Amino acid sequence: MNKVLQQFKPVKLNVENDPGKAVNHAIIFKESQDIACVWIDLALGEVDLLGFETKNGIPAIALRAGISSVTTQVLLPEYVGWSVFAASLQRYTLSVCLIRK
C-alpha cells in the first residue's frame, strides 16, 4: 500500500469466489456514526458491479472479474447491521457508501 493510502484505516474484507484475485484491500475514506465510505482496491480493471445485498447481516457486493462467469462476493464483516446505500465502480476502485440500519 502506498504512503498516501497508509493514512487511512484498513477495513477487513471477506472475499468469496475470487479465482482471478480481483480484490486487493479496502480502506475507510470517511466515516461517521451512521455513514461510512469505503474504497476497495481492485487488481483488475475489467470488473463488473453486479449488485449488493446484506448476507447474514453483513453488507455484500457482487462482482464479476474479466470474462469469468464466476460471481465474486465481497463482504464487509466490520459493518454488521449496516447496508450498502450506493456503490460506484471506477477502473481499479470500488467506492461503497454504507449506512447504519
PDB file of N, CA and C in Angstrom:
ATOM      1  N   MET A   1       0.853  -1.169   0.000  1.00  0.00           N
ATOM      2  CA  MET A   1       0.000   0.000   0.000  1.00  0.00           C
ATOM      3  C   MET A   1       0.901   1.235   0.000  1.00  0.00           C
ATOM      4  N   ASN A   2       0.586   2.241  -0.822  1.00  0.00           N
ATOM      5  CA  ASN A   2       1.456   3.406  -0.906  1.00  0.00           C
ATOM      6  C   ASN A   2       1.260   4.354   0.285  1.00  0.00           C
ATOM      7  N   LYS A   3       2.147   5.349   0.429  1.00  0.00           N
ATOM      8  CA  LYS A   3       2.153   6.231   1.596  1.00  0.00           C
ATOM      9  C   LYS A   3       0.873   7.045   1.744  1.00  0.00           C
ATOM     10  N   VAL A   4       0.282   7.460   0.629  1.00  0.00           N
ATOM     11  CA  VAL A   4      -0.957   8.241   0.698  1.00  0.00           C
ATOM     12  C   VAL A   4      -2.067   7.405   1.325  1.00  0.00           C
ATOM     13  N   LEU A   5      -2.170   6.147   0.917  1.00  0.00           N
ATOM     14  CA  LEU A   5      -3.229   5.284   1.434  1.00  0.00           C
ATOM     15  C   LEU A   5      -2.989   4.852   2.874  1.00  0.00           C
ATOM     16  N   GLN A   6      -1.754   4.917   3.352  1.00  0.00           N
ATOM     17  CA  GLN A   6      -1.445   4.490   4.709  1.00  0.00           C
ATOM     18  C   GLN A   6      -2.085   5.384   5.769  1.00  0.00           C
ATOM     19  N   GLN A   7      -2.497   6.601   5.404  1.00  0.00           N
ATOM     20  CA  GLN A   7      -3.122   7.490   6.372  1.00  0.00           C
ATOM     21  C   GLN A   7      -4.575   7.076   6.672  1.00  0.00           C
ATOM     22  N   PHE A   8      -5.127   6.165   5.874  1.00  0.00           N
ATOM     23  CA  PHE A   8      -6.497   5.712   6.056  1.00  0.00           C
ATOM     24  C   PHE A   8      -6.535   4.389   6.805  1.00  0.00           C
ATOM     25  N   LYS A   9      -7.629   4.156   7.529  1.00  0.00           N
ATOM     26  CA  LYS A   9      -7.803   2.932   8.301  1.00  0.00           C
ATOM     27  C   LYS A   9      -8.154   1.763   7.369  1.00  0.00           C
ATOM     28  N   PRO A  10      -7.456   0.638   7.481  1.00  0.00           N
ATOM     29  CA  PRO A  10      -7.811  -0.519   6.663  1.00  0.00           C
ATOM     30  C   PRO A  10      -9.124  -1.138   7.135  1.00  0.00           C
ATOM     31  N   VAL A  11      -9.806  -1.790   6.215  1.00  0.00           N
ATOM     32  CA  VAL A  11     -11.076  -2.448   6.501  1.00  0.00           C
ATOM     33  C   VAL A  11     -10.916  -3.932   6.192  1.00  0.00           C
ATOM     34  N   LYS A  12     -11.386  -4.774   7.091  1.00  0.00           N
ATOM     35  CA  LYS A  12     -11.325  -6.211   6.860  1.00  0.00           C
ATOM     36  C   LYS A  12     -12.342  -6.601   5.790  1.00  0.00           C
ATOM     37  N   LEU A  13     -11.906  -7.424   4.854  1.00  0.00           N
ATOM     38  CA  LEU A  13     -12.773  -7.948   3.805  1.00  0.00           C
ATOM     39  C   LEU A  13     -12.810  -9.464   3.886  1.00  0.00           C
ATOM     40  N   ASN A  14     -13.956 -10.032   3.595  1.00  0.00           N
ATOM     41  CA  ASN A  14     -14.063 -11.465   3.322  1.00  0.00           C
ATOM     42  C   ASN A  14     -14.448 -11.565   1.858  1.00  0.00           C
ATOM     43  N   VAL A  15     -13.612 -12.227   1.082  1.00  0.00           N
ATOM     44  CA  VAL A  15     -13.853 -12.344  -0.354  1.00  0.00           C
ATOM     45  C   VAL A  15     -14.136 -13.807  -0.666  1.00  0.00           C
ATOM     46  N   GLU A  16     -15.299 -14.047  -1.280  1.00  0.00           N
ATOM     47  CA  GLU A  16     -15.699 -15.406  -1.644  1.00  0.00           C
ATOM     48  C   GLU A  16     -15.687 -15.557  -3.162  1.00  0.00           C
ATOM     49  N   ASN A  17     -15.191 -16.670  -3.639  1.00  0.00           N
ATOM     50  CA  ASN A  17     -15.154 -16.985  -5.077  1.00  0.00           C
ATOM     51  C   ASN A  17     -14.406 -15.925  -5.877  1.00  0.00           C
ATOM     52  N   ASP A  18     -13.127 -15.768  -5.611  1.00  0.00           N
ATOM     53  CA  ASP A  18     -12.312 -14.793  -6.337  1.00  0.00           C
ATOM     54  C   ASP A  18     -11.157 -15.503  -7.036  1.00  0.00           C
ATOM     55  N   PRO A  19     -11.465 -16.324  -8.053  1.00  0.00           N
ATOM     56  CA  PRO A  19     -10.404 -17.091  -8.703  1.00  0.00           C
ATOM     57  C   PRO A  19      -9.385 -16.218  -9.426  1.00  0.00           C
ATOM     58  N   GLY A  20      -9.796 -15.037  -9.880  1.00  0.00           N
ATOM     59  CA  GLY A  20      -8.882 -14.156 -10.597  1.00  0.00           C
ATOM     60  C   GLY A  20      -8.150 -13.185  -9.693  1.00  0.00           C
ATOM     61  N   LYS A  21      -8.361 -13.290  -8.384  1.00  0.00           N
ATOM     62  CA  LYS A  21      -7.731 -12.386  -7.401  1.00  0.00           C
ATOM     63  C   LYS A  21      -7.960 -10.923  -7.775  1.00  0.00           C
ATOM     64  N   ALA A  22      -9.216 -10.577  -8.008  1.00  0.00           N
ATOM     65  CA  ALA A  22      -9.574  -9.228  -8.442  1.00  0.00           C
ATOM     66  C   ALA A  22      -9.543  -8.213  -7.315  1.00  0.00           C
ATOM     67  N   VAL A  23      -9.691  -8.657  -6.054  1.00  0.00           N
ATOM     68  CA  VAL A  23      -9.814  -7.739  -4.920  1.00  0.00           C
ATOM     69  C   VAL A  23      -8.520  -7.729  -4.117  1.00  0.00           C
ATOM     70  N   ASN A  24      -7.964  -6.519  -3.891  1.00  0.00           N
ATOM     71  CA  ASN A  24      -6.734  -6.379  -3.107  1.00  0.00           C
ATOM     72  C   ASN A  24      -7.017  -6.108  -1.640  1.00  0.00           C
ATOM     73  N   HIS A  25      -7.468  -4.907  -1.335  1.00  0.00           N
ATOM     74  CA  HIS A  25      -7.693  -4.487   0.045  1.00  0.00           C
ATOM     75  C   HIS A  25      -8.717  -3.359   0.057  1.00  0.00           C
ATOM     76  N   ALA A  26      -9.081  -2.922   1.267  1.00  0.00           N
ATOM     77  CA  ALA A  26     -10.057  -1.832   1.399  1.00  0.00           C
ATOM     78  C   ALA A  26      -9.619  -0.884   2.512  1.00  0.00           C
ATOM     79  N   ILE A  27     -10.046   0.383   2.371  1.00  0.00           N
ATOM     80  CA  ILE A  27      -9.767   1.402   3.390  1.00  0.00           C
ATOM     81  C   ILE A  27     -11.026   2.233   3.627  1.00  0.00           C
ATOM     82  N   ILE A  28     -11.087   2.824   4.821  1.00  0.00           N
ATOM     83  CA  ILE A  28     -12.144   3.777   5.129  1.00  0.00           C
ATOM     84  C   ILE A  28     -11.692   5.125   4.607  1.00  0.00           C
ATOM     85  N   PHE A  29     -12.476   5.725   3.734  1.00  0.00           N
ATOM     86  CA  PHE A  29     -12.168   7.064   3.249  1.00  0.00           C
ATOM     87  C   PHE A  29     -12.744   8.104   4.210  1.00  0.00           C
ATOM     88  N   LYS A  30     -14.009   7.966   4.558  1.00  0.00           N
ATOM     89  CA  LYS A  30     -14.675   8.833   5.541  1.00  0.00           C
ATOM     90  C   LYS A  30     -15.634   7.976   6.334  1.00  0.00           C
ATOM     91  N   GLU A  31     -15.828   8.340   7.604  1.00  0.00           N
ATOM     92  CA  GLU A  31     -16.731   7.555   8.443  1.00  0.00           C
ATOM     93  C   GLU A  31     -17.331   8.446   9.516  1.00  0.00           C
ATOM     94  N   SER A  32     -18.632   8.246   9.763  1.00  0.00           N
ATOM     95  CA  SER A  32     -19.296   8.912  10.884  1.00  0.00           C
ATOM     96  C   SER A  32     -20.083   7.839  11.632  1.00  0.00           C
ATOM     97  N   GLN A  33     -20.930   8.246  12.537  1.00  0.00           N
ATOM     98  CA  GLN A  33     -21.676   7.291  13.342  1.00  0.00           C
ATOM     99  C   GLN A  33     -22.630   6.449  12.487  1.00  0.00           C
ATOM    100  N   ASP A  34     -23.209   7.027  11.442  1.00  0.00           N
ATOM    101  CA  ASP A  34     -24.220   6.336  10.656  1.00  0.00           C
ATOM    102  C   ASP A  34     -23.891   6.145   9.174  1.00  0.00           C
ATOM    103  N   ILE A  35     -22.773   6.704   8.717  1.00  0.00           N
ATOM    104  CA  ILE A  35     -22.396   6.617   7.305  1.00  0.00           C
ATOM    105  C   ILE A  35     -20.905   6.309   7.205  1.00  0.00           C
ATOM    106  N   ALA A  36     -20.551   5.449   6.257  1.00  0.00           N
ATOM    107  CA  ALA A  36     -19.132   5.151   6.012  1.00  0.00           C
ATOM    108  C   ALA A  36     -18.904   5.054   4.509  1.00  0.00           C
ATOM    109  N   CYS A  37     -17.790   5.614   4.058  1.00  0.00           N
ATOM    110  CA  CYS A  37     -17.383   5.492   2.665  1.00  0.00           C
ATOM    111  C   CYS A  37     -16.127   4.627   2.628  1.00  0.00           C
ATOM    112  N   VAL A  38     -16.235   3.504   1.936  1.00  0.00           N
ATOM    113  CA  VAL A  38     -15.142   2.539   1.856  1.00  0.00           C
ATOM    114  C   VAL A  38     -14.635   2.481   0.421  1.00  0.00           C
ATOM    115  N   TRP A  39     -13.315   2.522   0.268  1.00  0.00           N
ATOM    116  CA  TRP A  39     -12.693   2.330  -1.038  1.00  0.00           C
ATOM    117  C   TRP A  39     -12.126   0.922  -1.074  1.00  0.00           C
ATOM    118  N   ILE A  40     -12.517   0.162  -2.090  1.00  0.00           N
ATOM    119  CA  ILE A  40     -11.989  -1.181  -2.275  1.00  0.00           C
ATOM    120  C   ILE A  40     -11.077  -1.159  -3.496  1.00  0.00           C
ATOM    121  N   ASP A  41      -9.811  -1.501  -3.276  1.00  0.00           N
ATOM    122  CA  ASP A  41      -8.814  -1.506  -4.348  1.00  0.00           C
ATOM    123  C   ASP A  41      -8.921  -2.820  -5.120  1.00  0.00           C
ATOM    124  N   LEU A  42      -9.020  -2.696  -6.434  1.00  0.00           N
ATOM    125  CA  LEU A  42      -9.146  -3.855  -7.303  1.00  0.00           C
ATOM    126  C   LEU A  42      -7.866  -4.079  -8.089  1.00  0.00           C
ATOM    127  N   ALA A  43      -7.491  -5.331  -8.255  1.00  0.00           N
ATOM    128  CA  ALA A  43      -6.277  -5.668  -9.007  1.00  0.00           C
ATOM    129  C   ALA A  43      -6.529  -5.661 -10.502  1.00  0.00           C
ATOM    130  N   LEU A  44      -7.779  -5.855 -10.893  1.00  0.00           N
ATOM    131  CA  LEU A  44      -8.126  -5.928 -12.313  1.00  0.00           C
ATOM    132  C   LEU A  44      -8.975  -4.726 -12.708  1.00  0.00           C
ATOM    133  N   GLY A  45      -8.749  -4.196 -13.878  1.00  0.00           N
ATOM    134  CA  GLY A  45      -9.535  -3.070 -14.368  1.00  0.00           C
ATOM    135  C   GLY A  45     -10.807  -3.507 -15.068  1.00  0.00           C
ATOM    136  N   GLU A  46     -10.922  -4.790 -15.336  1.00  0.00           N
ATOM    137  CA  GLU A  46     -12.097  -5.310 -16.032  1.00  0.00           C
ATOM    138  C   GLU A  46     -13.009  -6.020 -15.033  1.00  0.00           C
ATOM    139  N   VAL A  47     -13.740  -5.239 -14.250  1.00  0.00           N
ATOM    140  CA  VAL A  47     -14.636  -5.784 -13.234  1.00  0.00           C
ATOM    141  C   VAL A  47     -16.013  -5.175 -13.435  1.00  0.00           C
ATOM    142  N   ASP A  48     -17.033  -6.007 -13.343  1.00  0.00           N
ATOM    143  CA  ASP A  48     -18.414  -5.534 -13.437  1.00  0.00           C
ATOM    144  C   ASP A  48     -19.046  -5.570 -12.057  1.00  0.00           C
ATOM    145  N   LEU A  49     -19.755  -4.513 -11.705  1.00  0.00           N
ATOM    146  CA  LEU A  49     -20.514  -4.444 -10.465  1.00  0.00           C
ATOM    147  C   LEU A  49     -21.887  -5.045 -10.749  1.00  0.00           C
ATOM    148  N   LEU A  50     -22.197  -6.158 -10.102  1.00  0.00           N
ATOM    149  CA  LEU A  50     -23.453  -6.856 -10.359  1.00  0.00           C
ATOM    150  C   LEU A  50     -24.570  -6.419  -9.421  1.00  0.00           C
ATOM    151  N   GLY A  51     -24.213  -5.977  -8.221  1.00  0.00           N
ATOM    152  CA  GLY A  51     -25.228  -5.549  -7.262  1.00  0.00           C
ATOM    153  C   GLY A  51     -24.730  -5.685  -5.842  1.00  0.00           C
ATOM    154  N   PHE A  52     -25.620  -5.408  -4.891  1.00  0.00           N
ATOM    155  CA  PHE A  52     -25.252  -5.531  -3.489  1.00  0.00           C
ATOM    156  C   PHE A  52     -26.452  -6.008  -2.687  1.00  0.00           C
ATOM    157  N   GLU A  53     -26.140  -6.578  -1.535  1.00  0.00           N
ATOM    158  CA  GLU A  53     -27.158  -7.140  -0.664  1.00  0.00           C
ATOM    159  C   GLU A  53     -26.614  -7.192   0.762  1.00  0.00           C
ATOM    160  N   THR A  54     -27.433  -7.705   1.662  1.00  0.00           N
ATOM    161  CA  THR A  54     -26.980  -7.979   3.019  1.00  0.00           C
ATOM    162  C   THR A  54     -27.036  -9.489   3.196  1.00  0.00           C
ATOM    163  N   LYS A  55     -25.927 -10.058   3.623  1.00  0.00           N
ATOM    164  CA  LYS A  55     -25.803 -11.512   3.761  1.00  0.00           C
ATOM    165  C   LYS A  55     -25.555 -11.833   5.227  1.00  0.00           C
ATOM    166  N   ASN A  56     -26.554 -12.399   5.904  1.00  0.00           N
ATOM    167  CA  ASN A  56     -26.473 -12.682   7.346  1.00  0.00           C
ATOM    168  C   ASN A  56     -26.125 -11.423   8.141  1.00  0.00           C
ATOM    169  N   GLY A  57     -26.699 -10.286   7.739  1.00  0.00           N
ATOM    170  CA  GLY A  57     -26.474  -9.018   8.429  1.00  0.00           C
ATOM    171  C   GLY A  57     -25.219  -8.288   8.008  1.00  0.00           C
ATOM    172  N   ILE A  58     -24.451  -8.869   7.077  1.00  0.00           N
ATOM    173  CA  ILE A  58     -23.182  -8.282   6.628  1.00  0.00           C
ATOM    174  C   ILE A  58     -23.368  -7.710   5.227  1.00  0.00           C
ATOM    175  N   PRO A  59     -22.959  -6.443   4.997  1.00  0.00           N
ATOM    176  CA  PRO A  59     -23.048  -5.886   3.642  1.00  0.00           C
ATOM    177  C   PRO A  59     -22.179  -6.686   2.674  1.00  0.00           C
ATOM    178  N   ALA A  60     -22.732  -6.958   1.481  1.00  0.00           N
ATOM    179  CA  ALA A  60     -22.022  -7.751   0.478  1.00  0.00           C
ATOM    180  C   ALA A  60     -22.191  -7.105  -0.894  1.00  0.00           C
ATOM    181  N   ILE A  61     -21.118  -7.129  -1.669  1.00  0.00           N
ATOM    182  CA  ILE A  61     -21.121  -6.580  -3.018  1.00  0.00           C
ATOM    183  C   ILE A  61     -20.768  -7.721  -3.972  1.00  0.00           C
ATOM    184  N   ALA A  62     -21.536  -7.850  -5.048  1.00  0.00           N
ATOM    185  CA  ALA A  62     -21.296  -8.901  -6.038  1.00  0.00           C
ATOM    186  C   ALA A  62     -20.563  -8.305  -7.240  1.00  0.00           C
ATOM    187  N   LEU A  63     -19.464  -8.955  -7.647  1.00  0.00           N
ATOM    188  CA  LEU A  63     -18.642  -8.515  -8.770  1.00  0.00           C
ATOM    189  C   LEU A  63     -18.410  -9.677  -9.730  1.00  0.00           C
ATOM    190  N   ARG A  64     -18.102  -9.341 -10.966  1.00  0.00           N
ATOM    191  CA  ARG A  64     -17.634 -10.331 -11.928  1.00  0.00           C
ATOM    192  C   ARG A  64     -16.348  -9.778 -12.537  1.00  0.00           C
ATOM    193  N   ALA A  65     -15.283 -10.559 -12.437  1.00  0.00           N
ATOM    194  CA  ALA A  65     -13.972 -10.106 -12.913  1.00  0.00           C
ATOM    195  C   ALA A  65     -13.687 -10.631 -14.304  1.00  0.00           C
ATOM    196  N   GLY A  66     -13.288  -9.718 -15.186  1.00  0.00           N
ATOM    197  CA  GLY A  66     -12.883 -10.094 -16.533  1.00  0.00           C
ATOM    198  C   GLY A  66     -13.961 -10.842 -17.287  1.00  0.00           C
ATOM    199  N   ILE A  67     -13.560 -11.883 -17.992  1.00  0.00           N
ATOM    200  CA  ILE A  67     -14.515 -12.666 -18.772  1.00  0.00           C
ATOM    201  C   ILE A  67     -15.056 -13.860 -17.985  1.00  0.00           C
ATOM    202  N   SER A  68     -14.720 -13.927 -16.719  1.00  0.00           N
ATOM    203  CA  SER A  68     -15.154 -15.025 -15.871  1.00  0.00           C
ATOM    204  C   SER A  68     -16.674 -15.018 -15.709  1.00  0.00           C
ATOM    205  N   SER A  69     -17.242 -16.196 -15.570  1.00  0.00           N
ATOM    206  CA  SER A  69     -18.677 -16.294 -15.297  1.00  0.00           C
ATOM    207  C   SER A  69     -18.939 -16.467 -13.805  1.00  0.00           C
ATOM    208  N   VAL A  70     -17.869 -16.458 -13.009  1.00  0.00           N
ATOM    209  CA  VAL A  70     -17.977 -16.641 -11.563  1.00  0.00           C
ATOM    210  C   VAL A  70     -18.311 -15.308 -10.899  1.00  0.00           C
ATOM    211  N   THR A  71     -19.274 -15.341  -9.980  1.00  0.00           N
ATOM    212  CA  THR A  71     -19.622 -14.148  -9.216  1.00  0.00           C
ATOM    213  C   THR A  71     -18.798 -14.124  -7.938  1.00  0.00           C
ATOM    214  N   THR A  72     -18.061 -13.036  -7.737  1.00  0.00           N
ATOM    215  CA  THR A  72     -17.253 -12.839  -6.538  1.00  0.00           C
ATOM    216  C   THR A  72     -18.056 -12.015  -5.547  1.00  0.00           C
ATOM    217  N   GLN A  73     -18.104 -12.465  -4.295  1.00  0.00           N
ATOM    218  CA  GLN A  73     -18.790 -11.733  -3.235  1.00  0.00           C
ATOM    219  C   GLN A  73     -17.746 -11.079  -2.334  1.00  0.00           C
ATOM    220  N   VAL A  74     -17.890  -9.771  -2.109  1.00  0.00           N
ATOM    221  CA  VAL A  74     -17.019  -9.036  -1.199  1.00  0.00           C
ATOM    222  C   VAL A  74     -17.873  -8.655   0.004  1.00  0.00           C
ATOM    223  N   LEU A  75     -17.516  -9.191   1.172  1.00  0.00           N
ATOM    224  CA  LEU A  75     -18.266  -8.922   2.390  1.00  0.00           C
ATOM    225  C   LEU A  75     -17.471  -8.013   3.309  1.00  0.00           C
ATOM    226  N   LEU A  76     -18.185  -7.140   4.014  1.00  0.00           N
ATOM    227  CA  LEU A  76     -17.568  -6.190   4.948  1.00  0.00           C
ATOM    228  C   LEU A  76     -18.019  -6.533   6.373  1.00  0.00           C
ATOM    229  N   PRO A  77     -17.363  -7.516   7.017  1.00  0.00           N
ATOM    230  CA  PRO A  77     -17.820  -8.019   8.316  1.00  0.00           C
ATOM    231  C   PRO A  77     -17.710  -7.025   9.474  1.00  0.00           C
ATOM    232  N   GLU A  78     -16.944  -5.962   9.318  1.00  0.00           N
ATOM    233  CA  GLU A  78     -16.855  -4.948  10.373  1.00  0.00           C
ATOM    234  C   GLU A  78     -18.124  -4.109  10.450  1.00  0.00           C
ATOM    235  N   TYR A  79     -19.003  -4.253   9.465  1.00  0.00           N
ATOM    236  CA  TYR A  79     -20.200  -3.416   9.375  1.00  0.00           C
ATOM    237  C   TYR A  79     -21.487  -4.238   9.486  1.00  0.00           C
ATOM    238  N   VAL A  80     -21.521  -5.159  10.434  1.00  0.00           N
ATOM    239  CA  VAL A  80     -22.735  -5.936  10.692  1.00  0.00           C
ATOM    240  C   VAL A  80     -23.846  -4.963  11.101  1.00  0.00           C
ATOM    241  N   GLY A  81     -25.012  -5.121  10.487  1.00  0.00           N
ATOM    242  CA  GLY A  81     -26.136  -4.239  10.785  1.00  0.00           C
ATOM    243  C   GLY A  81     -26.194  -3.011   9.887  1.00  0.00           C
ATOM    244  N   TRP A  82     -25.219  -2.852   9.010  1.00  0.00           N
ATOM    245  CA  TRP A  82     -25.197  -1.752   8.048  1.00  0.00           C
ATOM    246  C   TRP A  82     -25.673  -2.312   6.700  1.00  0.00           C
ATOM    247  N   SER A  83     -25.974  -1.419   5.769  1.00  0.00           N
ATOM    248  CA  SER A  83     -26.323  -1.863   4.418  1.00  0.00           C
ATOM    249  C   SER A  83     -25.652  -0.958   3.393  1.00  0.00           C
ATOM    250  N   VAL A  84     -25.506  -1.476   2.187  1.00  0.00           N
ATOM    251  CA  VAL A  84     -24.926  -0.697   1.100  1.00  0.00           C
ATOM    252  C   VAL A  84     -26.000   0.238   0.568  1.00  0.00           C
ATOM    253  N   PHE A  85     -25.717   1.527   0.617  1.00  0.00           N
ATOM    254  CA  PHE A  85     -26.641   2.534   0.085  1.00  0.00           C
ATOM    255  C   PHE A  85     -26.369   2.772  -1.399  1.00  0.00           C
ATOM    256  N   ALA A  86     -25.082   2.833  -1.746  1.00  0.00           N
ATOM    257  CA  ALA A  86     -24.689   3.072  -3.142  1.00  0.00           C
ATOM    258  C   ALA A  86     -23.285   2.524  -3.348  1.00  0.00           C
ATOM    259  N   ALA A  87     -22.999   2.181  -4.595  1.00  0.00           N
ATOM    260  CA  ALA A  87     -21.657   1.731  -4.962  1.00  0.00           C
ATOM    261  C   ALA A  87     -21.345   2.242  -6.358  1.00  0.00           C
ATOM    262  N   SER A  88     -20.096   2.631  -6.553  1.00  0.00           N
ATOM    263  CA  SER A  88     -19.660   3.172  -7.837  1.00  0.00           C
ATOM    264  C   SER A  88     -18.333   2.516  -8.206  1.00  0.00           C
ATOM    265  N   LEU A  89     -18.245   2.085  -9.437  1.00  0.00           N
ATOM    266  CA  LEU A  89     -17.052   1.385  -9.898  1.00  0.00           C
ATOM    267  C   LEU A  89     -16.271   2.258 -10.857  1.00  0.00           C
ATOM    268  N   GLN A  90     -14.994   2.502 -10.517  1.00  0.00           N
ATOM    269  CA  GLN A  90     -14.054   3.121 -11.434  1.00  0.00           C
ATOM    270  C   GLN A  90     -13.138   2.005 -11.905  1.00  0.00           C
ATOM    271  N   ARG A  91     -12.133   2.309 -12.654  1.00  0.00           N
ATOM    272  CA  ARG A  91     -11.302   1.253 -13.248  1.00  0.00           C
ATOM    273  C   ARG A  91     -10.697   0.310 -12.204  1.00  0.00           C
ATOM    274  N   TYR A  92     -10.020   0.838 -11.196  1.00  0.00           N
ATOM    275  CA  TYR A  92      -9.373  -0.005 -10.186  1.00  0.00           C
ATOM    276  C   TYR A  92      -9.876   0.264  -8.769  1.00  0.00           C
ATOM    277  N   THR A  93     -10.985   0.973  -8.620  1.00  0.00           N
ATOM    278  CA  THR A  93     -11.522   1.301  -7.307  1.00  0.00           C
ATOM    279  C   THR A  93     -13.025   1.113  -7.291  1.00  0.00           C
ATOM    280  N   LEU A  94     -13.487   0.443  -6.256  1.00  0.00           N
ATOM    281  CA  LEU A  94     -14.919   0.317  -5.997  1.00  0.00           C
ATOM    282  C   LEU A  94     -15.208   1.174  -4.773  1.00  0.00           C
ATOM    283  N   SER A  95     -16.000   2.225  -4.943  1.00  0.00           N
ATOM    284  CA  SER A  95     -16.387   3.102  -3.828  1.00  0.00           C
ATOM    285  C   SER A  95     -17.738   2.656  -3.325  1.00  0.00           C
ATOM    286  N   VAL A  96     -17.827   2.430  -2.012  1.00  0.00           N
ATOM    287  CA  VAL A  96     -19.060   1.914  -1.418  1.00  0.00           C
ATOM    288  C   VAL A  96     -19.484   2.848  -0.292  1.00  0.00           C
ATOM    289  N   CYS A  97     -20.751   3.261  -0.328  1.00  0.00           N
ATOM    290  CA  CYS A  97     -21.337   4.071   0.734  1.00  0.00           C
ATOM    291  C   CYS A  97     -22.216   3.158   1.575  1.00  0.00           C
ATOM    292  N   LEU A  98     -21.906   3.059   2.862  1.00  0.00           N
ATOM    293  CA  LEU A  98     -22.665   2.230   3.790  1.00  0.00           C
ATOM    294  C   LEU A  98     -23.465   3.116   4.728  1.00  0.00           C
ATOM    295  N   ILE A  99     -24.665   2.646   5.089  1.00  0.00           N
ATOM    296  CA  ILE A  99     -25.453   3.365   6.097  1.00  0.00           C
ATOM    297  C   ILE A  99     -25.870   2.378   7.181  1.00  0.00           C
ATOM    298  N   ARG A 100     -25.950   2.905   8.385  1.00  0.00           N
ATOM    299  CA  ARG A 100     -26.399   2.079   9.513  1.00  0.00           C
ATOM    300  C   ARG A 100     -27.913   1.938   9.421  1.00  0.00           C
ATOM    301  N   LYS A 101     -28.404   0.731   9.590  1.00  0.00           N
ATOM    302  CA  LYS A 101     -29.849   0.484   9.509  1.00  0.00           C
ATOM    303  C   LYS A 101     -30.555   1.036  10.721  1.00  0.00           C
TER     304      LYS A 101
END
